[in-house]
N, C-alpha and C. Protein backbone atom coordinates (compact mmCIF):
# COMPACT_ATOMS: atom_id res chain seq x y z
N MET A 1 0.82 -1.20 0.00
CA MET A 1 0.00 0.00 0.00
C MET A 1 0.87 1.27 0.00
N ASP A 2 2.04 1.17 0.59
CA ASP A 2 2.93 2.34 0.64
C ASP A 2 3.41 2.74 -0.74
N GLY A 3 3.42 1.80 -1.69
CA GLY A 3 3.88 2.10 -3.03
C GLY A 3 2.84 2.80 -3.89
N ASP A 4 1.60 2.87 -3.44
CA ASP A 4 0.54 3.51 -4.20
C ASP A 4 0.41 4.96 -3.76
N LYS A 5 0.61 5.89 -4.71
CA LYS A 5 0.60 7.32 -4.36
C LYS A 5 -0.74 7.79 -3.82
N ASN A 6 -1.84 7.13 -4.19
CA ASN A 6 -3.17 7.54 -3.72
C ASN A 6 -3.48 7.02 -2.31
N LEU A 7 -2.75 6.01 -1.87
CA LEU A 7 -3.04 5.41 -0.57
C LEU A 7 -1.93 5.62 0.46
N ARG A 8 -0.77 6.02 0.01
CA ARG A 8 0.40 6.13 0.87
C ARG A 8 0.14 6.96 2.13
N SER A 9 -0.54 8.08 1.98
CA SER A 9 -0.73 9.00 3.12
C SER A 9 -1.68 8.46 4.18
N TYR A 10 -2.43 7.42 3.87
CA TYR A 10 -3.39 6.89 4.85
C TYR A 10 -2.76 5.93 5.84
N GLY A 11 -1.62 5.38 5.54
CA GLY A 11 -0.96 4.46 6.46
C GLY A 11 -1.79 3.22 6.75
N LEU A 12 -2.43 2.67 5.74
CA LEU A 12 -3.22 1.46 5.93
C LEU A 12 -2.31 0.32 6.35
N LYS A 13 -2.82 -0.52 7.23
CA LYS A 13 -2.04 -1.63 7.76
C LYS A 13 -2.52 -2.93 7.12
N VAL A 14 -1.57 -3.76 6.70
CA VAL A 14 -1.88 -5.04 6.08
C VAL A 14 -1.26 -6.15 6.92
N ASP A 15 -2.10 -7.08 7.38
CA ASP A 15 -1.63 -8.24 8.14
C ASP A 15 -2.06 -9.50 7.41
N ALA A 16 -1.15 -10.49 7.37
CA ALA A 16 -1.48 -11.76 6.72
C ALA A 16 -1.41 -12.88 7.75
N ASN A 17 -2.49 -13.63 7.86
CA ASN A 17 -2.56 -14.78 8.74
C ASN A 17 -3.03 -15.97 7.92
N ASN A 18 -2.19 -16.97 7.76
CA ASN A 18 -2.53 -18.17 6.98
C ASN A 18 -3.07 -17.78 5.61
N ASP A 19 -4.36 -18.02 5.36
CA ASP A 19 -4.95 -17.75 4.06
C ASP A 19 -5.78 -16.48 4.04
N VAL A 20 -5.60 -15.60 5.03
CA VAL A 20 -6.40 -14.39 5.12
C VAL A 20 -5.49 -13.16 5.22
N VAL A 21 -5.81 -12.16 4.41
CA VAL A 21 -5.11 -10.87 4.49
C VAL A 21 -6.11 -9.86 5.02
N ILE A 22 -5.73 -9.17 6.09
CA ILE A 22 -6.61 -8.19 6.72
C ILE A 22 -6.03 -6.80 6.53
N VAL A 23 -6.84 -5.91 5.96
CA VAL A 23 -6.43 -4.53 5.73
C VAL A 23 -7.22 -3.65 6.69
N THR A 24 -6.53 -2.83 7.47
CA THR A 24 -7.19 -1.94 8.43
C THR A 24 -6.71 -0.51 8.22
N GLY A 25 -7.53 0.41 8.65
CA GLY A 25 -7.18 1.81 8.58
C GLY A 25 -8.38 2.67 8.24
N ILE A 26 -8.10 3.92 7.90
CA ILE A 26 -9.15 4.89 7.61
C ILE A 26 -8.81 5.62 6.33
N VAL A 27 -9.81 5.78 5.46
CA VAL A 27 -9.68 6.57 4.23
C VAL A 27 -10.79 7.62 4.21
N ASP A 28 -10.70 8.54 3.26
CA ASP A 28 -11.68 9.63 3.21
C ASP A 28 -12.94 9.32 2.42
N THR A 29 -12.83 8.47 1.39
CA THR A 29 -13.98 8.23 0.52
C THR A 29 -14.12 6.75 0.18
N LEU A 30 -15.32 6.39 -0.27
CA LEU A 30 -15.58 5.03 -0.70
C LEU A 30 -14.72 4.65 -1.90
N SER A 31 -14.48 5.60 -2.79
CA SER A 31 -13.64 5.28 -3.96
C SER A 31 -12.22 4.92 -3.53
N GLU A 32 -11.71 5.55 -2.49
CA GLU A 32 -10.37 5.21 -1.99
C GLU A 32 -10.38 3.83 -1.34
N LYS A 33 -11.45 3.49 -0.65
CA LYS A 33 -11.57 2.16 -0.06
C LYS A 33 -11.61 1.10 -1.16
N ARG A 34 -12.40 1.36 -2.21
CA ARG A 34 -12.47 0.43 -3.34
C ARG A 34 -11.11 0.29 -4.02
N HIS A 35 -10.40 1.41 -4.15
CA HIS A 35 -9.07 1.38 -4.77
C HIS A 35 -8.11 0.53 -3.93
N ALA A 36 -8.15 0.69 -2.61
CA ALA A 36 -7.28 -0.09 -1.72
C ALA A 36 -7.57 -1.59 -1.88
N GLU A 37 -8.85 -1.93 -1.99
CA GLU A 37 -9.22 -3.34 -2.16
C GLU A 37 -8.71 -3.87 -3.50
N LYS A 38 -8.79 -3.06 -4.53
CA LYS A 38 -8.30 -3.46 -5.85
C LYS A 38 -6.79 -3.68 -5.81
N VAL A 39 -6.08 -2.77 -5.16
CA VAL A 39 -4.62 -2.87 -5.06
C VAL A 39 -4.22 -4.14 -4.31
N ILE A 40 -4.85 -4.39 -3.18
CA ILE A 40 -4.47 -5.57 -2.38
C ILE A 40 -4.82 -6.85 -3.11
N ASN A 41 -5.96 -6.87 -3.80
CA ASN A 41 -6.34 -8.08 -4.55
C ASN A 41 -5.40 -8.34 -5.72
N SER A 42 -4.77 -7.29 -6.24
CA SER A 42 -3.85 -7.48 -7.37
C SER A 42 -2.53 -8.12 -6.94
N VAL A 43 -2.19 -8.06 -5.66
CA VAL A 43 -0.93 -8.63 -5.20
C VAL A 43 -1.11 -9.90 -4.37
N VAL A 44 -2.33 -10.18 -3.98
CA VAL A 44 -2.61 -11.38 -3.18
C VAL A 44 -3.18 -12.43 -4.12
N ASP A 45 -2.55 -13.58 -4.17
CA ASP A 45 -2.97 -14.60 -5.12
C ASP A 45 -4.20 -15.38 -4.65
N ASP A 46 -4.00 -16.27 -3.75
CA ASP A 46 -5.07 -17.20 -3.38
C ASP A 46 -5.54 -16.99 -1.94
N LYS A 47 -5.33 -15.81 -1.40
CA LYS A 47 -5.75 -15.54 -0.03
C LYS A 47 -7.04 -14.74 -0.02
N LYS A 48 -7.81 -14.95 1.02
CA LYS A 48 -9.03 -14.17 1.22
C LYS A 48 -8.63 -12.80 1.77
N VAL A 49 -9.30 -11.76 1.29
CA VAL A 49 -9.01 -10.39 1.74
C VAL A 49 -10.18 -9.89 2.57
N GLU A 50 -9.88 -9.44 3.76
CA GLU A 50 -10.88 -8.80 4.63
C GLU A 50 -10.55 -7.32 4.73
N MET A 51 -11.45 -6.49 4.20
CA MET A 51 -11.25 -5.04 4.22
C MET A 51 -11.93 -4.47 5.47
N GLU A 52 -11.13 -4.19 6.47
CA GLU A 52 -11.63 -3.56 7.69
C GLU A 52 -11.21 -2.10 7.68
N VAL A 53 -11.46 -1.45 6.55
CA VAL A 53 -11.10 -0.06 6.34
C VAL A 53 -12.34 0.79 6.52
N SER A 54 -12.24 1.79 7.36
CA SER A 54 -13.35 2.69 7.62
C SER A 54 -13.26 3.94 6.74
N ILE A 55 -14.42 4.54 6.51
CA ILE A 55 -14.48 5.80 5.78
C ILE A 55 -14.80 6.88 6.79
N SER A 56 -13.97 7.91 6.83
CA SER A 56 -14.16 8.97 7.81
C SER A 56 -14.09 10.33 7.14
N THR A 57 -14.81 11.28 7.70
CA THR A 57 -14.76 12.65 7.20
C THR A 57 -14.15 13.52 8.29
N ASP A 58 -13.89 14.77 7.95
CA ASP A 58 -13.29 15.69 8.91
C ASP A 58 -14.23 16.06 10.05
N GLY A 59 -15.51 15.85 9.84
CA GLY A 59 -16.50 16.19 10.86
C GLY A 59 -17.81 15.51 10.53
N ALA A 60 -18.86 15.92 11.23
CA ALA A 60 -20.17 15.33 10.99
C ALA A 60 -20.66 15.70 9.60
N ILE A 61 -21.28 14.75 8.94
CA ILE A 61 -21.83 15.00 7.62
C ILE A 61 -23.23 14.38 7.56
N THR A 62 -24.18 15.17 7.10
CA THR A 62 -25.57 14.72 7.05
C THR A 62 -25.89 14.14 5.67
N ASP A 63 -27.05 13.52 5.55
CA ASP A 63 -27.48 13.02 4.24
C ASP A 63 -27.64 14.16 3.25
N ASP A 64 -28.08 15.32 3.69
CA ASP A 64 -28.18 16.47 2.80
C ASP A 64 -26.80 16.87 2.28
N ASP A 65 -25.79 16.80 3.16
CA ASP A 65 -24.42 17.09 2.75
C ASP A 65 -23.95 16.08 1.70
N VAL A 66 -24.24 14.82 1.94
CA VAL A 66 -23.85 13.76 1.01
C VAL A 66 -24.53 13.98 -0.33
N ASP A 67 -25.83 14.29 -0.31
CA ASP A 67 -26.57 14.55 -1.55
C ASP A 67 -25.92 15.68 -2.33
N MET A 68 -25.54 16.74 -1.63
CA MET A 68 -24.91 17.88 -2.28
C MET A 68 -23.55 17.49 -2.88
N GLU A 69 -22.76 16.75 -2.11
CA GLU A 69 -21.44 16.32 -2.59
C GLU A 69 -21.56 15.44 -3.84
N VAL A 70 -22.52 14.51 -3.82
CA VAL A 70 -22.72 13.62 -4.97
C VAL A 70 -23.19 14.43 -6.17
N ALA A 71 -24.12 15.36 -5.95
CA ALA A 71 -24.62 16.20 -7.05
C ALA A 71 -23.48 16.99 -7.68
N GLU A 72 -22.57 17.50 -6.86
CA GLU A 72 -21.43 18.25 -7.39
C GLU A 72 -20.53 17.35 -8.23
N GLU A 73 -20.30 16.13 -7.77
CA GLU A 73 -19.46 15.19 -8.53
C GLU A 73 -20.12 14.84 -9.86
N ILE A 74 -21.43 14.65 -9.85
CA ILE A 74 -22.17 14.30 -11.07
C ILE A 74 -22.16 15.47 -12.06
N GLU A 75 -22.33 16.70 -11.55
CA GLU A 75 -22.35 17.89 -12.42
C GLU A 75 -21.04 18.07 -13.19
N ILE A 76 -19.95 17.62 -12.62
CA ILE A 76 -18.64 17.74 -13.27
C ILE A 76 -18.61 16.87 -14.54
N GLN A 77 -19.34 15.78 -14.52
CA GLN A 77 -19.37 14.84 -15.64
C GLN A 77 -20.53 15.23 -16.57
N THR A 78 -20.23 15.93 -17.64
CA THR A 78 -21.28 16.47 -18.51
C THR A 78 -22.17 15.37 -19.11
N GLU A 79 -21.63 14.18 -19.33
CA GLU A 79 -22.43 13.11 -19.90
C GLU A 79 -23.41 12.51 -18.88
N LEU A 80 -23.25 12.85 -17.61
CA LEU A 80 -24.17 12.36 -16.56
C LEU A 80 -25.11 13.45 -16.06
N GLU A 81 -24.71 14.70 -16.23
CA GLU A 81 -25.49 15.83 -15.73
C GLU A 81 -26.91 15.79 -16.31
N ASP A 82 -27.89 16.06 -15.49
CA ASP A 82 -29.31 16.09 -15.85
C ASP A 82 -29.88 14.72 -16.18
N LYS A 83 -29.13 13.65 -15.97
CA LYS A 83 -29.63 12.29 -16.22
C LYS A 83 -29.72 11.48 -14.95
N ILE A 84 -28.97 11.88 -13.94
CA ILE A 84 -28.84 11.11 -12.72
C ILE A 84 -29.25 11.95 -11.51
N THR A 85 -30.00 11.34 -10.60
CA THR A 85 -30.26 11.96 -9.30
C THR A 85 -29.77 11.00 -8.22
N ALA A 86 -29.53 11.54 -7.07
CA ALA A 86 -29.03 10.73 -5.97
C ALA A 86 -29.78 11.07 -4.69
N GLU A 87 -30.09 10.04 -3.94
CA GLU A 87 -30.70 10.20 -2.62
C GLU A 87 -29.91 9.34 -1.65
N SER A 88 -29.56 9.92 -0.51
CA SER A 88 -28.77 9.16 0.45
C SER A 88 -29.51 8.96 1.76
N LYS A 89 -29.21 7.84 2.37
CA LYS A 89 -29.74 7.50 3.69
C LYS A 89 -28.59 6.90 4.48
N LYS A 90 -28.18 7.61 5.52
CA LYS A 90 -27.08 7.19 6.38
C LYS A 90 -25.81 6.90 5.59
N GLY A 91 -25.54 7.74 4.58
CA GLY A 91 -24.31 7.61 3.80
C GLY A 91 -24.39 6.68 2.61
N VAL A 92 -25.46 5.90 2.51
CA VAL A 92 -25.63 5.01 1.36
C VAL A 92 -26.41 5.77 0.30
N VAL A 93 -25.79 5.93 -0.87
CA VAL A 93 -26.38 6.71 -1.96
C VAL A 93 -27.11 5.79 -2.92
N HIS A 94 -28.35 6.16 -3.24
CA HIS A 94 -29.15 5.45 -4.23
C HIS A 94 -29.17 6.31 -5.49
N LEU A 95 -28.61 5.78 -6.58
CA LEU A 95 -28.56 6.50 -7.84
C LEU A 95 -29.77 6.13 -8.69
N LEU A 96 -30.42 7.15 -9.26
CA LEU A 96 -31.61 6.95 -10.08
C LEU A 96 -31.44 7.70 -11.40
N GLY A 97 -32.06 7.20 -12.44
CA GLY A 97 -32.02 7.87 -13.73
C GLY A 97 -31.83 6.88 -14.86
N THR A 98 -31.60 7.42 -16.05
CA THR A 98 -31.40 6.61 -17.25
C THR A 98 -30.22 7.18 -18.03
N VAL A 99 -29.33 6.30 -18.48
CA VAL A 99 -28.18 6.69 -19.30
C VAL A 99 -28.16 5.86 -20.57
N GLU A 100 -27.28 6.23 -21.50
CA GLU A 100 -27.24 5.58 -22.81
C GLU A 100 -26.46 4.28 -22.85
N SER A 101 -25.59 4.03 -21.85
CA SER A 101 -24.74 2.85 -21.93
C SER A 101 -24.42 2.30 -20.55
N GLU A 102 -23.99 1.05 -20.53
CA GLU A 102 -23.56 0.41 -19.29
C GLU A 102 -22.31 1.11 -18.75
N GLU A 103 -21.46 1.58 -19.65
CA GLU A 103 -20.25 2.29 -19.22
C GLU A 103 -20.60 3.54 -18.41
N LEU A 104 -21.61 4.29 -18.88
CA LEU A 104 -22.04 5.49 -18.14
C LEU A 104 -22.69 5.11 -16.81
N ARG A 105 -23.40 4.01 -16.79
CA ARG A 105 -24.02 3.52 -15.55
C ARG A 105 -22.92 3.23 -14.51
N GLN A 106 -21.87 2.55 -14.94
CA GLN A 106 -20.76 2.24 -14.04
C GLN A 106 -19.98 3.49 -13.65
N LYS A 107 -19.85 4.41 -14.59
CA LYS A 107 -19.14 5.67 -14.30
C LYS A 107 -19.88 6.45 -13.21
N ALA A 108 -21.21 6.48 -13.28
CA ALA A 108 -22.00 7.18 -12.26
C ALA A 108 -21.72 6.60 -10.88
N ASP A 109 -21.61 5.29 -10.79
CA ASP A 109 -21.31 4.61 -9.53
C ASP A 109 -19.96 5.08 -8.99
N LYS A 110 -18.95 5.11 -9.87
CA LYS A 110 -17.60 5.53 -9.45
C LYS A 110 -17.57 7.00 -9.05
N VAL A 111 -18.30 7.82 -9.79
CA VAL A 111 -18.35 9.25 -9.50
C VAL A 111 -18.99 9.49 -8.13
N ALA A 112 -20.08 8.80 -7.85
CA ALA A 112 -20.76 8.96 -6.55
C ALA A 112 -19.85 8.51 -5.41
N ALA A 113 -19.07 7.47 -5.64
CA ALA A 113 -18.19 6.93 -4.60
C ALA A 113 -17.07 7.91 -4.22
N LYS A 114 -16.80 8.90 -5.07
CA LYS A 114 -15.76 9.89 -4.77
C LYS A 114 -16.23 10.94 -3.77
N ALA A 115 -17.52 11.08 -3.58
CA ALA A 115 -18.05 12.14 -2.73
C ALA A 115 -17.79 11.86 -1.25
N ARG A 116 -17.52 12.91 -0.52
CA ARG A 116 -17.32 12.80 0.93
C ARG A 116 -18.58 12.28 1.59
N GLY A 117 -18.42 11.39 2.55
CA GLY A 117 -19.54 10.90 3.34
C GLY A 117 -20.24 9.69 2.77
N VAL A 118 -19.90 9.30 1.56
CA VAL A 118 -20.55 8.14 0.94
C VAL A 118 -19.91 6.87 1.49
N THR A 119 -20.75 5.99 2.06
CA THR A 119 -20.26 4.72 2.59
C THR A 119 -20.69 3.55 1.74
N GLY A 120 -21.62 3.78 0.82
CA GLY A 120 -22.08 2.73 -0.09
C GLY A 120 -22.85 3.34 -1.24
N VAL A 121 -22.91 2.62 -2.36
CA VAL A 121 -23.66 3.08 -3.52
C VAL A 121 -24.56 1.95 -3.99
N VAL A 122 -25.85 2.26 -4.15
CA VAL A 122 -26.81 1.32 -4.73
C VAL A 122 -27.23 1.93 -6.06
N ASN A 123 -26.91 1.23 -7.13
CA ASN A 123 -27.10 1.78 -8.46
C ASN A 123 -28.41 1.26 -9.07
N HIS A 124 -29.41 2.15 -9.14
CA HIS A 124 -30.71 1.83 -9.74
C HIS A 124 -30.82 2.40 -11.15
N ILE A 125 -29.73 2.89 -11.70
CA ILE A 125 -29.74 3.55 -13.00
C ILE A 125 -30.07 2.53 -14.09
N LYS A 126 -30.92 2.95 -14.99
CA LYS A 126 -31.29 2.10 -16.13
C LYS A 126 -30.53 2.54 -17.37
N VAL A 127 -30.25 1.57 -18.24
CA VAL A 127 -29.65 1.84 -19.54
C VAL A 127 -30.78 1.87 -20.54
N ASP A 128 -30.75 2.83 -21.47
CA ASP A 128 -31.82 3.04 -22.46
C ASP A 128 -32.39 1.76 -23.04
N ASN A 129 -31.54 0.84 -23.48
CA ASN A 129 -32.04 -0.36 -24.14
C ASN A 129 -32.72 -1.34 -23.20
N GLU A 130 -32.73 -1.06 -21.89
CA GLU A 130 -33.42 -1.93 -20.94
C GLU A 130 -34.90 -1.59 -20.85
N ALA A 131 -35.28 -0.41 -21.30
CA ALA A 131 -36.66 0.06 -21.12
C ALA A 131 -37.37 0.13 -22.46
N ASP A 132 -38.65 -0.17 -22.46
CA ASP A 132 -39.50 0.01 -23.63
C ASP A 132 -39.71 1.50 -23.83
N GLU A 133 -39.88 1.93 -25.07
CA GLU A 133 -40.02 3.36 -25.33
C GLU A 133 -41.21 3.99 -24.62
N THR A 134 -42.20 3.22 -24.26
CA THR A 134 -43.34 3.77 -23.51
C THR A 134 -43.04 3.80 -22.02
N GLY A 135 -41.97 3.11 -21.63
CA GLY A 135 -41.63 3.04 -20.22
C GLY A 135 -42.49 2.04 -19.47
N ASP A 136 -43.32 1.29 -20.21
CA ASP A 136 -44.24 0.36 -19.58
C ASP A 136 -43.89 -1.07 -19.97
N PRO A 137 -43.35 -1.86 -19.03
CA PRO A 137 -42.95 -3.22 -19.39
C PRO A 137 -44.14 -4.09 -19.82
N PHE A 138 -45.35 -3.76 -19.38
CA PHE A 138 -46.52 -4.54 -19.77
C PHE A 138 -46.75 -4.44 -21.27
N HIS A 139 -46.65 -3.22 -21.80
CA HIS A 139 -46.85 -3.04 -23.24
C HIS A 139 -45.79 -3.77 -24.05
N ALA A 140 -44.57 -3.80 -23.56
CA ALA A 140 -43.51 -4.52 -24.26
C ALA A 140 -43.85 -6.01 -24.30
N GLN A 141 -44.37 -6.53 -23.21
CA GLN A 141 -44.73 -7.94 -23.16
C GLN A 141 -45.89 -8.23 -24.10
N VAL A 142 -46.89 -7.36 -24.16
CA VAL A 142 -48.02 -7.54 -25.06
C VAL A 142 -47.53 -7.59 -26.50
N ARG A 143 -46.62 -6.69 -26.88
CA ARG A 143 -46.09 -6.70 -28.23
C ARG A 143 -45.34 -8.00 -28.51
N ASN A 144 -44.59 -8.49 -27.52
CA ASN A 144 -43.88 -9.75 -27.70
C ASN A 144 -44.86 -10.90 -27.90
N ASP A 145 -45.94 -10.88 -27.13
CA ASP A 145 -46.97 -11.93 -27.28
C ASP A 145 -47.56 -11.90 -28.66
N ASN A 146 -47.83 -10.71 -29.20
CA ASN A 146 -48.42 -10.57 -30.52
C ASN A 146 -47.47 -11.05 -31.61
N GLU A 147 -46.16 -10.85 -31.41
CA GLU A 147 -45.19 -11.27 -32.40
C GLU A 147 -45.13 -12.77 -32.55
N GLU A 148 -45.46 -13.51 -31.49
CA GLU A 148 -45.38 -14.96 -31.52
C GLU A 148 -46.50 -15.57 -32.33
N GLU A 149 -47.59 -14.84 -32.60
CA GLU A 149 -48.75 -15.40 -33.29
C GLU A 149 -48.47 -15.68 -34.74
């Protein structure tokens, strides 16, 4: 972890016991925690990784603060702006909206994880080709039934 410029300053501790690697410490955002897990998994072959890394902020942060932080991160990404909304409950952000591709859906998840105070992301974003143009799955099914005749 010390070799990674994004994680070096956090002083995360890595302990290995038999077939388990335990990572402990504190980071500022969920994206940093995910990055730490990715880094450790890239160097650990066949061991189980337990991420006991906490996410902490400089002070108290409310769901309204988290919503604002996520909205700011989304606004920076012009391809996501005006397509995604976020609602948080106890630091867990629920992303809602529709985007043109799976790549944008995944990008929204990563963008939200960068915001201060986010401890989890639940991605409810739909990709255009998942929805019928009427937005009504019943009508899509009726059309499919008619096609079979």
